[in-house]
């Protein structure tokens, strides 16, 4: 499914992640995280896996992570993508 609009999910609170999704011709992931040195690649991999599971088309995804657990990260990415694809969010 195609990313149609700008959407977001999450907060900037501790242990959460703010995810912003915008339409794009190709997939681009930006990660700003307090744990980027240790987990930056794992965060990007989780985002790509959620995109694949949802059948998402390309998107520009920006994450502002404040130490969120992987399950929280995945839920926020799924919600933002579903909103951007104009689906009902299940997260």
PDB file of N, CA and C in Angstrom:
ATOM      1  N   UNK A   1       0.844  -1.182   0.000  1.00  0.00           N
ATOM      2  CA  UNK A   1       0.000   0.000   0.000  1.00  0.00           C
ATOM      3  C   UNK A   1       0.883   1.237   0.000  1.00  0.00           C
ATOM      4  N   UNK A   2       0.361   2.287  -0.551  1.00  0.00           N
ATOM      5  CA  UNK A   2       1.121   3.509  -0.723  1.00  0.00           C
ATOM      6  C   UNK A   2       0.939   4.457   0.464  1.00  0.00           C
ATOM      7  N   UNK A   3       2.030   5.083   0.873  1.00  0.00           N
ATOM      8  CA  UNK A   3       1.973   6.125   1.890  1.00  0.00           C
ATOM      9  C   UNK A   3       1.418   7.369   1.206  1.00  0.00           C
ATOM     10  N   UNK A   4       0.255   7.823   1.672  1.00  0.00           N
ATOM     11  CA  UNK A   4      -0.465   8.898   1.000  1.00  0.00           C
ATOM     12  C   UNK A   4      -0.326  10.263   1.641  1.00  0.00           C
ATOM     13  N   UNK A   5      -0.065  10.298   2.938  1.00  0.00           N
ATOM     14  CA  UNK A   5      -0.102  11.560   3.660  1.00  0.00           C
ATOM     15  C   UNK A   5       0.907  11.567   4.797  1.00  0.00           C
ATOM     16  N   UNK A   6       1.137  12.718   5.361  1.00  0.00           N
ATOM     17  CA  UNK A   6       2.011  12.894   6.514  1.00  0.00           C
ATOM     18  C   UNK A   6       1.266  12.407   7.750  1.00  0.00           C
ATOM     19  N   UNK A   7       1.931  11.602   8.592  1.00  0.00           N
ATOM     20  CA  UNK A   7       1.295  11.096   9.803  1.00  0.00           C
ATOM     21  C   UNK A   7       2.360  10.880  10.873  1.00  0.00           C
ATOM     22  N   UNK A   8       1.911  10.782  12.113  1.00  0.00           N
ATOM     23  CA  UNK A   8       2.850  10.556  13.207  1.00  0.00           C
ATOM     24  C   UNK A   8       2.184   9.765  14.318  1.00  0.00           C
ATOM     25  N   UNK A   9       3.025   9.252  15.225  1.00  0.00           N
ATOM     26  CA  UNK A   9       2.555   8.514  16.402  1.00  0.00           C
ATOM     27  C   UNK A   9       3.629   8.607  17.471  1.00  0.00           C
ATOM     28  N   UNK A  10       3.224   8.488  18.719  1.00  0.00           N
ATOM     29  CA  UNK A  10       4.168   8.473  19.819  1.00  0.00           C
ATOM     30  C   UNK A  10       4.361   9.834  20.467  1.00  0.00           C
ATOM     31  N   UNK A  11       5.281   9.856  21.440  1.00  0.00           N
ATOM     32  CA  UNK A  11       5.580  11.081  22.184  1.00  0.00           C
ATOM     33  C   UNK A  11       7.090  11.210  22.343  1.00  0.00           C
ATOM     34  N   UNK A  12       7.498  12.304  22.935  1.00  0.00           N
ATOM     35  CA  UNK A  12       8.912  12.523  23.235  1.00  0.00           C
ATOM     36  C   UNK A  12       9.225  12.246  24.706  1.00  0.00           C
ATOM     37  N   UNK A  13       8.318  11.537  25.362  1.00  0.00           N
ATOM     38  CA  UNK A  13       8.526  11.169  26.763  1.00  0.00           C
ATOM     39  C   UNK A  13       9.615  10.106  26.874  1.00  0.00           C
ATOM     40  N   UNK A  14      10.198  10.000  28.048  1.00  0.00           N
ATOM     41  CA  UNK A  14      11.197   8.967  28.298  1.00  0.00           C
ATOM     42  C   UNK A  14      10.591   7.589  28.046  1.00  0.00           C
ATOM     43  N   UNK A  15      11.364   6.692  27.465  1.00  0.00           N
ATOM     44  CA  UNK A  15      10.953   5.317  27.149  1.00  0.00           C
ATOM     45  C   UNK A  15       9.895   5.240  26.052  1.00  0.00           C
ATOM     46  N   UNK A  16       9.794   6.279  25.229  1.00  0.00           N
ATOM     47  CA  UNK A  16       8.859   6.267  24.101  1.00  0.00           C
ATOM     48  C   UNK A  16       9.617   6.696  22.851  1.00  0.00           C
ATOM     49  N   UNK A  17       8.934   6.704  21.730  1.00  0.00           N
ATOM     50  CA  UNK A  17       9.528   7.120  20.459  1.00  0.00           C
ATOM     51  C   UNK A  17       8.478   7.901  19.668  1.00  0.00           C
ATOM     52  N   UNK A  18       8.900   8.990  19.061  1.00  0.00           N
ATOM     53  CA  UNK A  18       8.038   9.783  18.196  1.00  0.00           C
ATOM     54  C   UNK A  18       8.383   9.398  16.767  1.00  0.00           C
ATOM     55  N   UNK A  19       7.379   8.941  16.018  1.00  0.00           N
ATOM     56  CA  UNK A  19       7.588   8.473  14.645  1.00  0.00           C
ATOM     57  C   UNK A  19       6.808   9.377  13.698  1.00  0.00           C
ATOM     58  N   UNK A  20       7.500   9.886  12.688  1.00  0.00           N
ATOM     59  CA  UNK A  20       6.889  10.729  11.670  1.00  0.00           C
ATOM     60  C   UNK A  20       7.069  10.057  10.313  1.00  0.00           C
ATOM     61  N   UNK A  21       5.991   9.946   9.556  1.00  0.00           N
ATOM     62  CA  UNK A  21       6.014   9.292   8.237  1.00  0.00           C
ATOM     63  C   UNK A  21       5.540  10.294   7.195  1.00  0.00           C
ATOM     64  N   UNK A  22       6.292  10.383   6.097  1.00  0.00           N
ATOM     65  CA  UNK A  22       5.924  11.260   4.976  1.00  0.00           C
ATOM     66  C   UNK A  22       6.049  10.478   3.672  1.00  0.00           C
ATOM     67  N   UNK A  23       5.228  10.811   2.696  1.00  0.00           N
ATOM     68  CA  UNK A  23       5.369  10.175   1.383  1.00  0.00           C
ATOM     69  C   UNK A  23       6.743  10.467   0.793  1.00  0.00           C
ATOM     70  N   UNK A  24       7.280   9.518   0.044  1.00  0.00           N
ATOM     71  CA  UNK A  24       8.587   9.678  -0.575  1.00  0.00           C
ATOM     72  C   UNK A  24       8.700   8.718  -1.752  1.00  0.00           C
ATOM     73  N   UNK A  25       9.560   9.052  -2.693  1.00  0.00           N
ATOM     74  CA  UNK A  25       9.778   8.175  -3.842  1.00  0.00           C
ATOM     75  C   UNK A  25      10.599   6.949  -3.468  1.00  0.00           C
ATOM     76  N   UNK A  26      11.402   7.064  -2.416  1.00  0.00           N
ATOM     77  CA  UNK A  26      12.182   5.920  -1.946  1.00  0.00           C
ATOM     78  C   UNK A  26      12.220   5.919  -0.417  1.00  0.00           C
ATOM     79  N   UNK A  27      12.507   4.771   0.152  1.00  0.00           N
ATOM     80  CA  UNK A  27      12.524   4.653   1.601  1.00  0.00           C
ATOM     81  C   UNK A  27      13.775   5.285   2.185  1.00  0.00           C
ATOM     82  N   UNK A  28      13.546   6.137   3.175  1.00  0.00           N
ATOM     83  CA  UNK A  28      14.640   6.787   3.887  1.00  0.00           C
ATOM     84  C   UNK A  28      14.270   6.794   5.367  1.00  0.00           C
ATOM     85  N   UNK A  29      15.176   6.305   6.211  1.00  0.00           N
ATOM     86  CA  UNK A  29      14.923   6.235   7.644  1.00  0.00           C
ATOM     87  C   UNK A  29      15.957   7.084   8.374  1.00  0.00           C
ATOM     88  N   UNK A  30      15.478   8.031   9.179  1.00  0.00           N
ATOM     89  CA  UNK A  30      16.341   8.865  10.016  1.00  0.00           C
ATOM     90  C   UNK A  30      16.091   8.485  11.470  1.00  0.00           C
ATOM     91  N   UNK A  31      17.170   8.217  12.198  1.00  0.00           N
ATOM     92  CA  UNK A  31      17.040   7.834  13.603  1.00  0.00           C
ATOM     93  C   UNK A  31      17.817   8.812  14.471  1.00  0.00           C
ATOM     94  N   UNK A  32      17.096   9.460  15.371  1.00  0.00           N
ATOM     95  CA  UNK A  32      17.709  10.283  16.407  1.00  0.00           C
ATOM     96  C   UNK A  32      17.389   9.568  17.716  1.00  0.00           C
ATOM     97  N   UNK A  33      18.425   9.046  18.377  1.00  0.00           N
ATOM     98  CA  UNK A  33      18.178   8.206  19.546  1.00  0.00           C
ATOM     99  C   UNK A  33      19.264   8.385  20.595  1.00  0.00           C
ATOM    100  N   UNK A  34      18.849   8.286  21.850  1.00  0.00           N
ATOM    101  CA  UNK A  34      19.810   8.336  22.940  1.00  0.00           C
ATOM    102  C   UNK A  34      20.641   7.052  22.991  1.00  0.00           C
ATOM    103  N   UNK A  35      20.220   6.029  22.284  1.00  0.00           N
ATOM    104  CA  UNK A  35      20.938   4.753  22.254  1.00  0.00           C
ATOM    105  C   UNK A  35      21.342   4.366  20.826  1.00  0.00           C
ATOM    106  N   UNK A  36      21.511   5.360  19.965  1.00  0.00           N
ATOM    107  CA  UNK A  36      21.816   5.098  18.554  1.00  0.00           C
ATOM    108  C   UNK A  36      23.110   4.322  18.372  1.00  0.00           C
ATOM    109  N   UNK A  37      24.113   4.607  19.163  1.00  0.00           N
ATOM    110  CA  UNK A  37      25.399   3.914  19.013  1.00  0.00           C
ATOM    111  C   UNK A  37      25.245   2.410  19.232  1.00  0.00           C
ATOM    112  N   UNK A  38      24.429   2.025  20.198  1.00  0.00           N
ATOM    113  CA  UNK A  38      24.242   0.605  20.500  1.00  0.00           C
ATOM    114  C   UNK A  38      23.160  -0.051  19.647  1.00  0.00           C
ATOM    115  N   UNK A  39      22.072   0.667  19.370  1.00  0.00           N
ATOM    116  CA  UNK A  39      20.895   0.027  18.787  1.00  0.00           C
ATOM    117  C   UNK A  39      20.394   0.644  17.486  1.00  0.00           C
ATOM    118  N   UNK A  40      21.144   1.565  16.896  1.00  0.00           N
ATOM    119  CA  UNK A  40      20.697   2.238  15.676  1.00  0.00           C
ATOM    120  C   UNK A  40      20.339   1.284  14.554  1.00  0.00           C
ATOM    121  N   UNK A  41      21.195   0.297  14.309  1.00  0.00           N
ATOM    122  CA  UNK A  41      20.917  -0.669  13.231  1.00  0.00           C
ATOM    123  C   UNK A  41      19.705  -1.532  13.553  1.00  0.00           C
ATOM    124  N   UNK A  42      19.553  -1.926  14.806  1.00  0.00           N
ATOM    125  CA  UNK A  42      18.402  -2.741  15.208  1.00  0.00           C
ATOM    126  C   UNK A  42      17.105  -1.945  15.059  1.00  0.00           C
ATOM    127  N   UNK A  43      17.158  -0.654  15.362  1.00  0.00           N
ATOM    128  CA  UNK A  43      15.979   0.199  15.208  1.00  0.00           C
ATOM    129  C   UNK A  43      15.589   0.266  13.736  1.00  0.00           C
ATOM    130  N   UNK A  44      16.554   0.516  12.864  1.00  0.00           N
ATOM    131  CA  UNK A  44      16.269   0.573  11.426  1.00  0.00           C
ATOM    132  C   UNK A  44      15.718  -0.752  10.922  1.00  0.00           C
ATOM    133  N   UNK A  45      16.271  -1.863  11.384  1.00  0.00           N
ATOM    134  CA  UNK A  45      15.799  -3.184  10.962  1.00  0.00           C
ATOM    135  C   UNK A  45      14.355  -3.408  11.402  1.00  0.00           C
ATOM    136  N   UNK A  46      14.016  -2.995  12.613  1.00  0.00           N
ATOM    137  CA  UNK A  46      12.633  -3.134  13.092  1.00  0.00           C
ATOM    138  C   UNK A  46      11.672  -2.331  12.219  1.00  0.00           C
ATOM    139  N   UNK A  47      12.079  -1.116  11.848  1.00  0.00           N
ATOM    140  CA  UNK A  47      11.237  -0.277  10.989  1.00  0.00           C
ATOM    141  C   UNK A  47      11.011  -0.968   9.644  1.00  0.00           C
ATOM    142  N   UNK A  48      12.068  -1.474   9.049  1.00  0.00           N
ATOM    143  CA  UNK A  48      11.948  -2.156   7.754  1.00  0.00           C
ATOM    144  C   UNK A  48      11.055  -3.391   7.844  1.00  0.00           C
ATOM    145  N   UNK A  49      11.152  -4.130   8.946  1.00  0.00           N
ATOM    146  CA  UNK A  49      10.318  -5.320   9.126  1.00  0.00           C
ATOM    147  C   UNK A  49       8.844  -4.946   9.233  1.00  0.00           C
ATOM    148  N   UNK A  50       8.538  -3.876   9.965  1.00  0.00           N
ATOM    149  CA  UNK A  50       7.145  -3.440  10.090  1.00  0.00           C
ATOM    150  C   UNK A  50       6.628  -2.988   8.727  1.00  0.00           C
ATOM    151  N   UNK A  51       7.451  -2.247   7.987  1.00  0.00           N
ATOM    152  CA  UNK A  51       7.046  -1.811   6.645  1.00  0.00           C
ATOM    153  C   UNK A  51       6.734  -3.013   5.758  1.00  0.00           C
ATOM    154  N   UNK A  52       7.567  -4.031   5.826  1.00  0.00           N
ATOM    155  CA  UNK A  52       7.355  -5.239   5.019  1.00  0.00           C
ATOM    156  C   UNK A  52       6.081  -5.964   5.440  1.00  0.00           C
ATOM    157  N   UNK A  53       5.855  -6.102   6.741  1.00  0.00           N
ATOM    158  CA  UNK A  53       4.661  -6.785   7.239  1.00  0.00           C
ATOM    159  C   UNK A  53       3.378  -6.093   6.794  1.00  0.00           C
ATOM    160  N   UNK A  54       3.416  -4.766   6.728  1.00  0.00           N
ATOM    161  CA  UNK A  54       2.227  -4.002   6.328  1.00  0.00           C
ATOM    162  C   UNK A  54       2.102  -3.860   4.812  1.00  0.00           C
ATOM    163  N   UNK A  55       3.153  -4.229   4.088  1.00  0.00           N
ATOM    164  CA  UNK A  55       3.140  -4.045   2.645  1.00  0.00           C
ATOM    165  C   UNK A  55       3.221  -2.578   2.263  1.00  0.00           C
ATOM    166  N   UNK A  56       3.908  -1.822   3.079  1.00  0.00           N
ATOM    167  CA  UNK A  56       4.036  -0.385   2.860  1.00  0.00           C
ATOM    168  C   UNK A  56       4.916  -0.089   1.657  1.00  0.00           C
ATOM    169  N   UNK A  57       4.540   0.942   0.920  1.00  0.00           N
ATOM    170  CA  UNK A  57       5.398   1.437  -0.141  1.00  0.00           C
ATOM    171  C   UNK A  57       6.496   2.296   0.465  1.00  0.00           C
ATOM    172  N   UNK A  58       7.295   2.939  -0.366  1.00  0.00           N
ATOM    173  CA  UNK A  58       8.382   3.764   0.141  1.00  0.00           C
ATOM    174  C   UNK A  58       7.869   4.931   0.986  1.00  0.00           C
ATOM    175  N   UNK A  59       8.688   5.352   1.940  1.00  0.00           N
ATOM    176  CA  UNK A  59       8.318   6.450   2.833  1.00  0.00           C
ATOM    177  C   UNK A  59       9.570   7.060   3.435  1.00  0.00           C
ATOM    178  N   UNK A  60       9.451   8.299   3.853  1.00  0.00           N
ATOM    179  CA  UNK A  60      10.506   8.955   4.629  1.00  0.00           C
ATOM    180  C   UNK A  60      10.058   8.869   6.081  1.00  0.00           C
ATOM    181  N   UNK A  61      10.816   8.140   6.899  1.00  0.00           N
ATOM    182  CA  UNK A  61      10.433   7.912   8.286  1.00  0.00           C
ATOM    183  C   UNK A  61      11.490   8.514   9.201  1.00  0.00           C
ATOM    184  N   UNK A  62      11.040   9.360  10.115  1.00  0.00           N
ATOM    185  CA  UNK A  62      11.910   9.981  11.091  1.00  0.00           C
ATOM    186  C   UNK A  62      11.512   9.480  12.468  1.00  0.00           C
ATOM    187  N   UNK A  63      12.500   9.009  13.235  1.00  0.00           N
ATOM    188  CA  UNK A  63      12.246   8.520  14.584  1.00  0.00           C
ATOM    189  C   UNK A  63      13.050   9.350  15.573  1.00  0.00           C
ATOM    190  N   UNK A  64      12.380   9.811  16.617  1.00  0.00           N
ATOM    191  CA  UNK A  64      13.044  10.486  17.725  1.00  0.00           C
ATOM    192  C   UNK A  64      12.833   9.596  18.936  1.00  0.00           C
ATOM    193  N   UNK A  65      13.824   8.763  19.208  1.00  0.00           N
ATOM    194  CA  UNK A  65      13.724   7.712  20.221  1.00  0.00           C
ATOM    195  C   UNK A  65      14.260   8.199  21.554  1.00  0.00           C
ATOM    196  N   UNK A  66      13.532   7.885  22.596  1.00  0.00           N
ATOM    197  CA  UNK A  66      13.952   8.208  23.959  1.00  0.00           C
ATOM    198  C   UNK A  66      14.104   6.935  24.790  1.00  0.00           C
ATOM    199  N   UNK A  67      14.613   5.878  24.134  1.00  0.00           N
ATOM    200  CA  UNK A  67      14.865   4.627  24.846  1.00  0.00           C
ATOM    201  C   UNK A  67      13.693   3.674  24.853  1.00  0.00           C
ATOM    202  N   UNK A  68      12.874   3.706  23.809  1.00  0.00           N
ATOM    203  CA  UNK A  68      11.698   2.828  23.740  1.00  0.00           C
ATOM    204  C   UNK A  68      12.111   1.371  23.548  1.00  0.00           C
ATOM    205  N   UNK A  69      11.341   0.476  24.132  1.00  0.00           N
ATOM    206  CA  UNK A  69      11.524  -0.946  23.883  1.00  0.00           C
ATOM    207  C   UNK A  69      11.138  -1.249  22.444  1.00  0.00           C
ATOM    208  N   UNK A  70      11.631  -2.369  21.919  1.00  0.00           N
ATOM    209  CA  UNK A  70      11.352  -2.739  20.527  1.00  0.00           C
ATOM    210  C   UNK A  70       9.854  -2.879  20.270  1.00  0.00           C
ATOM    211  N   UNK A  71       9.110  -3.441  21.215  1.00  0.00           N
ATOM    212  CA  UNK A  71       7.667  -3.616  21.011  1.00  0.00           C
ATOM    213  C   UNK A  71       6.966  -2.255  20.908  1.00  0.00           C
ATOM    214  N   UNK A  72       7.422  -1.284  21.674  1.00  0.00           N
ATOM    215  CA  UNK A  72       6.863   0.066  21.604  1.00  0.00           C
ATOM    216  C   UNK A  72       7.212   0.707  20.272  1.00  0.00           C
ATOM    217  N   UNK A  73       8.461   0.573  19.871  1.00  0.00           N
ATOM    218  CA  UNK A  73       8.924   1.116  18.599  1.00  0.00           C
ATOM    219  C   UNK A  73       8.085   0.565  17.444  1.00  0.00           C
ATOM    220  N   UNK A  74       7.905  -0.750  17.416  1.00  0.00           N
ATOM    221  CA  UNK A  74       7.142  -1.385  16.339  1.00  0.00           C
ATOM    222  C   UNK A  74       5.680  -0.918  16.336  1.00  0.00           C
ATOM    223  N   UNK A  75       5.088  -0.788  17.503  1.00  0.00           N
ATOM    224  CA  UNK A  75       3.695  -0.335  17.590  1.00  0.00           C
ATOM    225  C   UNK A  75       3.554   1.095  17.086  1.00  0.00           C
ATOM    226  N   UNK A  76       4.486   1.960  17.441  1.00  0.00           N
ATOM    227  CA  UNK A  76       4.433   3.362  16.997  1.00  0.00           C
ATOM    228  C   UNK A  76       4.636   3.459  15.473  1.00  0.00           C
ATOM    229  N   UNK A  77       5.565   2.678  14.942  1.00  0.00           N
ATOM    230  CA  UNK A  77       5.810   2.696  13.499  1.00  0.00           C
ATOM    231  C   UNK A  77       4.574   2.176  12.763  1.00  0.00           C
ATOM    232  N   UNK A  78       4.003   1.090  13.250  1.00  0.00           N
ATOM    233  CA  UNK A  78       2.803   0.537  12.614  1.00  0.00           C
ATOM    234  C   UNK A  78       1.664   1.551  12.624  1.00  0.00           C
ATOM    235  N   UNK A  79       1.443   2.200  13.753  1.00  0.00           N
ATOM    236  CA  UNK A  79       0.356   3.177  13.850  1.00  0.00           C
ATOM    237  C   UNK A  79       0.573   4.337  12.890  1.00  0.00           C
ATOM    238  N   UNK A  80       1.791   4.871  12.865  1.00  0.00           N
ATOM    239  CA  UNK A  80       2.082   5.996  11.968  1.00  0.00           C
ATOM    240  C   UNK A  80       1.921   5.590  10.499  1.00  0.00           C
ATOM    241  N   UNK A  81       2.394   4.403  10.147  1.00  0.00           N
ATOM    242  CA  UNK A  81       2.254   3.939   8.763  1.00  0.00           C
ATOM    243  C   UNK A  81       0.793   3.729   8.387  1.00  0.00           C
ATOM    244  N   UNK A  82       0.032   3.112   9.268  1.00  0.00           N
ATOM    245  CA  UNK A  82      -1.389   2.897   8.974  1.00  0.00           C
ATOM    246  C   UNK A  82      -2.116   4.226   8.803  1.00  0.00           C
ATOM    247  N   UNK A  83      -1.779   5.203   9.638  1.00  0.00           N
ATOM    248  CA  UNK A  83      -2.382   6.529   9.493  1.00  0.00           C
ATOM    249  C   UNK A  83      -1.977   7.157   8.160  1.00  0.00           C
ATOM    250  N   UNK A  84      -0.720   7.010   7.790  1.00  0.00           N
ATOM    251  CA  UNK A  84      -0.215   7.581   6.542  1.00  0.00           C
ATOM    252  C   UNK A  84      -0.808   6.891   5.321  1.00  0.00           C
ATOM    253  N   UNK A  85      -1.160   5.607   5.487  1.00  0.00           N
ATOM    254  CA  UNK A  85      -1.789   4.869   4.391  1.00  0.00           C
ATOM    255  C   UNK A  85      -3.317   4.954   4.495  1.00  0.00           C
ATOM    256  N   UNK A  86      -3.777   5.726   5.474  1.00  0.00           N
ATOM    257  CA  UNK A  86      -5.207   5.961   5.718  1.00  0.00           C
ATOM    258  C   UNK A  86      -5.956   4.695   6.090  1.00  0.00           C
ATOM    259  N   UNK A  87      -5.300   3.829   6.850  1.00  0.00           N
ATOM    260  CA  UNK A  87      -5.940   2.627   7.396  1.00  0.00           C
ATOM    261  C   UNK A  87      -6.298   2.869   8.846  1.00  0.00           C
ATOM    262  N   UNK A  88      -7.180   2.079   9.385  1.00  0.00           N
ATOM    263  CA  UNK A  88      -7.453   2.122  10.806  1.00  0.00           C
ATOM    264  C   UNK A  88      -6.279   1.521  11.544  1.00  0.00           C
ATOM    265  N   UNK A  89      -5.743   2.230  12.528  1.00  0.00           N
ATOM    266  CA  UNK A  89      -4.603   1.747  13.301  1.00  0.00           C
ATOM    267  C   UNK A  89      -5.040   0.650  14.249  1.00  0.00           C
ATOM    268  N   UNK A  90      -4.223  -0.398  14.333  1.00  0.00           N
ATOM    269  CA  UNK A  90      -4.511  -1.508  15.241  1.00  0.00           C
ATOM    270  C   UNK A  90      -3.635  -1.480  16.466  1.00  0.00           C
ATOM    271  N   UNK A  91      -2.747  -0.521  16.582  1.00  0.00           N
ATOM    272  CA  UNK A  91      -1.822  -0.480  17.716  1.00  0.00           C
ATOM    273  C   UNK A  91      -2.323   0.441  18.791  1.00  0.00           C
TER     274      UNK A  91
END
